[in-house]
């Protein structure tokens, strides 16, 4: 895992930042305090993709010496959001494209025959789903989902435009 570091001084200003490769979900940090940087208490923050950010306050550093901290970073959980996209009047499944804000692999598609979809998303996040049926005559259905704290089912019943619908 790739870990990014920030060390903040008493006023909250960043006095040191860097990054390093780390293994096994344990962040190992070492900081050589330069002579021009006064010793004292600092706040140390580590972050890595897929892990919760960890902050230590009151880290004591002496100028001219190396300060070392090792601590585990907890992985962020993923939850499954699944469901079916269908016609709100008939209940028949619809093939659709689903755009998901904040999801790097967006858009996703539903199963052409069943309208079913499934996606794994990060916990504690709020996502906006924009569901666009493939057939003309259906408007885009937009829904906010989250913050995610468990797996959940989100079915979309899309109301057809009865004058324009090709279904």
Foldseek 3Di string as FASTA:
>chain_A
DKKKKFKADPVRHTPDIDIDDDPDQKDKDKDQAAQVHAWFWIKMWMDDPQFDIDIDTRQTDHHRGMGIDIDGTHGWAKAKEKEAEEAQPPRAGFWKWKAKPPDPPPIDIADHHTRIDMDIGTAQDKIKIWIGTPWPQWHTDIDIDDNHDYHYYDYHHTYGNVVITPD
